Amino acid sequence: MSNSAAIVKRLHRIEGQVRGVARMVEEDRYCIDILHQVQAVKAALSRAESEILKTHAHHCVEEAITAGNAKAQREKFTELVDLFEKTKR
């Protein structure tokens, strides 16, 4: 299974988790149980985000470095810095 296929599979699983949380809310389930599931979804999204970031670094950033294109290297580096700045907010 390719890395992108694994990420898509993970995202589909998260989609199912989110539907499950919506169902719990509709069924007026205990709030703490719902919050536990929301935390699980957030953790799963964080893992998916990490995998996508690793893929980006492995393919896009590595390609810019290998090509020796200084402008592309700066662009990829700036993208990563911008992304990390957004996550701090």
C-alpha atoms as a PDB file:
ATOM      1  CA  MET A   1       0.000   0.000   0.000  1.00  0.00           C
ATOM      2  CA  SER A   2       1.445   3.383  -0.972  1.00  0.00           C
ATOM      3  CA  ASN A   3       1.847   6.075   1.638  1.00  0.00           C
ATOM      4  CA  SER A   4      -0.929   8.169   0.084  1.00  0.00           C
ATOM      5  CA  ALA A   5      -3.258   5.159   0.114  1.00  0.00           C
ATOM      6  CA  ALA A   6      -2.467   4.620   3.799  1.00  0.00           C
ATOM      7  CA  ILE A   7      -3.193   8.284   4.540  1.00  0.00           C
ATOM      8  CA  VAL A   8      -6.502   8.139   2.655  1.00  0.00           C
ATOM      9  CA  LYS A   9      -7.421   4.971   4.568  1.00  0.00           C
ATOM     10  CA  ARG A  10      -6.605   6.748   7.844  1.00  0.00           C
ATOM     11  CA  LEU A  11      -8.723   9.762   6.818  1.00  0.00           C
ATOM     12  CA  HIS A  12     -11.673   7.518   5.956  1.00  0.00           C
ATOM     13  CA  ARG A  13     -11.376   5.933   9.392  1.00  0.00           C
ATOM     14  CA  ILE A  14     -11.390   9.422  10.954  1.00  0.00           C
ATOM     15  CA  GLU A  15     -14.445  10.287   8.883  1.00  0.00           C
ATOM     16  CA  GLY A  16     -16.199   7.277  10.408  1.00  0.00           C
ATOM     17  CA  GLN A  17     -15.145   8.376  13.888  1.00  0.00           C
ATOM     18  CA  VAL A  18     -16.597  11.850  13.288  1.00  0.00           C
ATOM     19  CA  ARG A  19     -19.890  10.342  12.117  1.00  0.00           C
ATOM     20  CA  GLY A  20     -19.875   8.243  15.286  1.00  0.00           C
ATOM     21  CA  VAL A  21     -19.422  11.358  17.421  1.00  0.00           C
ATOM     22  CA  ALA A  22     -22.316  13.064  15.606  1.00  0.00           C
ATOM     23  CA  ARG A  23     -24.467  10.006  16.275  1.00  0.00           C
ATOM     24  CA  MET A  24     -23.516  10.122  19.969  1.00  0.00           C
ATOM     25  CA  VAL A  25     -24.604  13.779  20.140  1.00  0.00           C
ATOM     26  CA  GLU A  26     -27.884  12.982  18.358  1.00  0.00           C
ATOM     27  CA  GLU A  27     -28.511  10.155  20.830  1.00  0.00           C
ATOM     28  CA  ASP A  28     -27.820  12.529  23.724  1.00  0.00           C
ATOM     29  CA  ARG A  29     -25.031  10.317  25.068  1.00  0.00           C
ATOM     30  CA  TYR A  30     -23.035  11.211  28.165  1.00  0.00           C
ATOM     31  CA  CYS A  31     -20.956  14.338  27.492  1.00  0.00           C
ATOM     32  CA  ILE A  32     -17.718  12.887  28.867  1.00  0.00           C
ATOM     33  CA  ASP A  33     -18.021   9.880  26.547  1.00  0.00           C
ATOM     34  CA  ILE A  34     -18.507  12.247  23.600  1.00  0.00           C
ATOM     35  CA  LEU A  35     -15.510  14.328  24.658  1.00  0.00           C
ATOM     36  CA  HIS A  36     -13.351  11.206  24.858  1.00  0.00           C
ATOM     37  CA  GLN A  37     -14.278  10.396  21.274  1.00  0.00           C
ATOM     38  CA  VAL A  38     -13.576  13.977  20.166  1.00  0.00           C
ATOM     39  CA  GLN A  39     -10.119  13.672  21.741  1.00  0.00           C
ATOM     40  CA  ALA A  40      -9.581  10.409  19.851  1.00  0.00           C
ATOM     41  CA  VAL A  41     -10.519  12.133  16.577  1.00  0.00           C
ATOM     42  CA  LYS A  42      -8.120  14.999  17.307  1.00  0.00           C
ATOM     43  CA  ALA A  43      -5.314  12.536  18.038  1.00  0.00           C
ATOM     44  CA  ALA A  44      -6.059  10.623  14.822  1.00  0.00           C
ATOM     45  CA  LEU A  45      -6.004  13.867  12.821  1.00  0.00           C
ATOM     46  CA  SER A  46      -2.699  14.778  14.417  1.00  0.00           C
ATOM     47  CA  ARG A  47      -1.224  11.436  13.336  1.00  0.00           C
ATOM     48  CA  ALA A  48      -2.556  11.955   9.790  1.00  0.00           C
ATOM     49  CA  GLU A  49      -1.048  15.437   9.754  1.00  0.00           C
ATOM     50  CA  SER A  50       2.322  14.012  10.803  1.00  0.00           C
ATOM     51  CA  GLU A  51       2.230  11.425   8.028  1.00  0.00           C
ATOM     52  CA  ILE A  52       1.384  14.063   5.424  1.00  0.00           C
ATOM     53  CA  LEU A  53       4.208  16.268   6.718  1.00  0.00           C
ATOM     54  CA  LYS A  54       6.664  13.357   6.511  1.00  0.00           C
ATOM     55  CA  THR A  55       5.533  12.675   2.958  1.00  0.00           C
ATOM     56  CA  HIS A  56       6.013  16.329   2.039  1.00  0.00           C
ATOM     57  CA  ALA A  57       9.492  16.374   3.545  1.00  0.00           C
ATOM     58  CA  HIS A  58      10.431  13.103   1.900  1.00  0.00           C
ATOM     59  CA  HIS A  59       9.205  13.982  -1.577  1.00  0.00           C
ATOM     60  CA  CYS A  60       8.863  17.718  -2.116  1.00  0.00           C
ATOM     61  CA  VAL A  61      11.636  19.014   0.113  1.00  0.00           C
ATOM     62  CA  GLU A  62      14.042  16.225  -0.801  1.00  0.00           C
ATOM     63  CA  GLU A  63      13.355  16.856  -4.493  1.00  0.00           C
ATOM     64  CA  ALA A  64      14.181  20.554  -4.119  1.00  0.00           C
ATOM     65  CA  ILE A  65      17.423  19.708  -2.334  1.00  0.00           C
ATOM     66  CA  THR A  66      18.424  17.019  -4.832  1.00  0.00           C
ATOM     67  CA  ALA A  67      17.697  19.306  -7.790  1.00  0.00           C
ATOM     68  CA  GLY A  68      20.079  21.885  -6.373  1.00  0.00           C
ATOM     69  CA  ASN A  69      17.564  24.638  -7.066  1.00  0.00           C
ATOM     70  CA  ALA A  70      18.242  27.260  -4.373  1.00  0.00           C
ATOM     71  CA  LYS A  71      14.972  29.104  -5.048  1.00  0.00           C
ATOM     72  CA  ALA A  72      12.907  25.906  -4.704  1.00  0.00           C
ATOM     73  CA  GLN A  73      14.815  25.034  -1.521  1.00  0.00           C
ATOM     74  CA  ARG A  74      13.999  28.425   0.004  1.00  0.00           C
ATOM     75  CA  GLU A  75      10.327  28.076  -1.009  1.00  0.00           C
ATOM     76  CA  LYS A  76      10.011  24.620   0.583  1.00  0.00           C
ATOM     77  CA  PHE A  77      11.804  25.784   3.727  1.00  0.00           C
ATOM     78  CA  THR A  78       9.517  28.840   3.964  1.00  0.00           C
ATOM     79  CA  GLU A  79       6.444  26.606   3.544  1.00  0.00           C
ATOM     80  CA  LEU A  80       7.555  24.461   6.475  1.00  0.00           C
ATOM     81  CA  VAL A  81       8.331  27.465   8.691  1.00  0.00           C
ATOM     82  CA  ASP A  82       4.935  29.004   7.877  1.00  0.00           C
ATOM     83  CA  LEU A  83       3.218  25.727   8.691  1.00  0.00           C
ATOM     84  CA  PHE A  84       4.981  25.425  12.034  1.00  0.00           C
ATOM     85  CA  GLU A  85       4.096  29.041  12.877  1.00  0.00           C
ATOM     86  CA  LYS A  86       0.412  28.321  12.195  1.00  0.00           C
ATOM     87  CA  THR A  87       0.443  25.308  14.512  1.00  0.00           C
ATOM     88  CA  LYS A  88       1.728  27.459  17.375  1.00  0.00           C
ATOM     89  CA  ARG A  89      -1.362  29.697  17.243  1.00  0.00           C
END
